[in-house]
Amino acid sequence: MLKKNRKIEKIYYSIGEVAEMFEVNASLIRFWENEFDILKPQKNKKGNRLFTKQDLDNLRIIYHLVKERGYTLQGAKDKLRQNKDEVLKQVEIIDSLNQMKGFLLELKEQM
């Protein structure tokens, strides 16, 4: 039996689901796929893109650099080539801090 608080993760996500997760248009996801070598979603027989957890992680890095930090596309590409691990670590720290902020705001509302 599955616990209610357990989150079920999918193996593949459609481009629509991914666009909704990042609150961007699907066309931007397709554009980034063409611009960034680290994005390589699989395609089914119909040609629909199927994004994995790794693709989502890579998209999160690209989103962070371009949308949150204001890098140009070329600047983001250069940063990823120089030190992808450093950028990934920064993204993870920011995500962790945002989760903590959400928890603290929720706690504040309950007081």
Protein backbone atom coordinates (compact mmCIF):
# COMPACT_ATOMS: atom_id res chain seq x y z
CA MET A 1 0.00 0.00 0.00
CA LEU A 2 1.28 3.47 -0.93
CA LYS A 3 1.58 6.11 1.77
CA LYS A 4 -0.40 9.28 1.11
CA ASN A 5 2.50 11.66 1.71
CA ARG A 6 4.78 9.80 -0.66
CA LYS A 7 5.32 11.62 -3.95
CA ILE A 8 5.23 9.54 -7.11
CA GLU A 9 7.65 10.71 -9.76
CA LYS A 10 7.13 9.99 -13.40
CA ILE A 11 9.88 8.65 -15.64
CA TYR A 12 8.98 10.92 -18.56
CA TYR A 13 7.31 14.31 -18.74
CA SER A 14 5.71 15.89 -21.80
CA ILE A 15 6.83 19.29 -23.05
CA GLY A 16 3.52 20.75 -21.86
CA GLU A 17 4.10 19.46 -18.34
CA VAL A 18 7.66 20.79 -18.34
CA ALA A 19 6.57 24.19 -19.64
CA GLU A 20 3.94 24.35 -16.89
CA MET A 21 6.52 23.42 -14.22
CA PHE A 22 8.77 26.30 -15.27
CA GLU A 23 5.88 28.64 -16.12
CA VAL A 24 7.19 29.27 -19.64
CA ASN A 25 5.90 28.54 -23.14
CA ALA A 26 6.65 25.18 -24.75
CA SER A 27 8.27 27.10 -27.59
CA LEU A 28 10.91 28.42 -25.17
CA ILE A 29 11.69 24.86 -24.05
CA ARG A 30 12.11 23.82 -27.72
CA PHE A 31 14.30 26.88 -28.34
CA TRP A 32 16.53 26.07 -25.35
CA GLU A 33 16.77 22.48 -26.58
CA ASN A 34 18.29 23.78 -29.82
CA GLU A 35 20.60 26.23 -28.03
CA PHE A 36 21.97 24.08 -25.18
CA ASP A 37 23.82 20.81 -25.75
CA ILE A 38 22.93 19.50 -22.28
CA LEU A 39 19.24 19.27 -23.22
CA LYS A 40 18.58 16.04 -25.06
CA PRO A 41 15.01 14.86 -24.47
CA GLN A 42 14.07 11.56 -26.01
CA LYS A 43 11.39 11.46 -28.67
CA ASN A 44 8.72 8.84 -29.13
CA LYS A 45 7.58 7.43 -32.47
CA LYS A 46 5.27 10.40 -32.99
CA GLY A 47 8.15 12.81 -32.38
CA ASN A 48 6.85 14.03 -29.02
CA ARG A 49 9.59 15.07 -26.61
CA LEU A 50 9.92 13.01 -23.45
CA PHE A 51 11.85 14.75 -20.67
CA THR A 52 13.57 12.79 -17.90
CA LYS A 53 14.53 13.89 -14.39
CA GLN A 54 18.03 14.69 -15.73
CA ASP A 55 16.49 16.90 -18.43
CA LEU A 56 14.48 18.70 -15.76
CA ASP A 57 17.64 19.27 -13.71
CA ASN A 58 19.41 20.68 -16.77
CA LEU A 59 16.42 22.90 -17.56
CA ARG A 60 16.44 24.15 -13.98
CA ILE A 61 20.09 25.19 -14.41
CA ILE A 62 19.36 26.95 -17.71
CA TYR A 63 16.29 28.65 -16.23
CA HIS A 64 18.33 29.82 -13.23
CA LEU A 65 21.06 31.31 -15.38
CA VAL A 66 18.86 32.94 -18.03
CA LYS A 67 15.68 33.92 -16.20
CA GLU A 68 16.82 34.39 -12.60
CA ARG A 69 20.40 35.59 -13.00
CA GLY A 70 19.90 37.46 -16.29
CA TYR A 71 22.63 35.76 -18.33
CA THR A 72 22.54 36.02 -22.10
CA LEU A 73 22.26 32.71 -23.92
CA GLN A 74 25.95 32.85 -24.82
CA GLY A 75 26.85 33.81 -21.25
CA ALA A 76 24.85 30.86 -19.90
CA LYS A 77 26.52 28.49 -22.37
CA ASP A 78 29.96 29.77 -21.35
CA LYS A 79 29.14 29.42 -17.64
CA LEU A 80 27.96 25.83 -18.17
CA ARG A 81 31.13 24.98 -20.10
CA GLN A 82 33.35 26.52 -17.43
CA ASN A 83 31.83 24.93 -14.35
CA LYS A 84 28.47 23.18 -14.54
CA ASP A 85 28.95 21.62 -11.09
CA GLU A 86 29.31 25.03 -9.44
CA VAL A 87 26.12 26.29 -11.08
CA LEU A 88 24.28 23.11 -10.07
CA LYS A 89 25.40 23.58 -6.48
CA GLN A 90 24.16 27.19 -6.51
CA VAL A 91 20.78 26.11 -7.90
CA GLU A 92 20.43 23.44 -5.22
CA ILE A 93 21.26 25.96 -2.48
CA ILE A 94 18.70 28.44 -3.84
CA ASP A 95 16.03 25.72 -4.04
CA SER A 96 16.79 24.67 -0.46
CA LEU A 97 16.59 28.27 0.77
CA ASN A 98 13.29 28.79 -1.06
CA GLN A 99 11.85 25.67 0.59
CA MET A 100 13.00 26.91 3.98
CA LYS A 101 11.48 30.34 3.29
CA GLY A 102 8.18 28.71 2.37
CA PHE A 103 8.21 26.64 5.55
CA LEU A 104 8.98 29.70 7.70
CA LEU A 105 6.24 31.77 6.03
CA GLU A 106 3.77 28.96 6.60
CA LEU A 107 4.87 28.73 10.22
CA LYS A 108 4.45 32.50 10.61
CA GLU A 109 0.87 32.30 9.30
CA GLN A 110 0.02 29.60 11.84
CA MET A 111 1.18 31.76 14.75
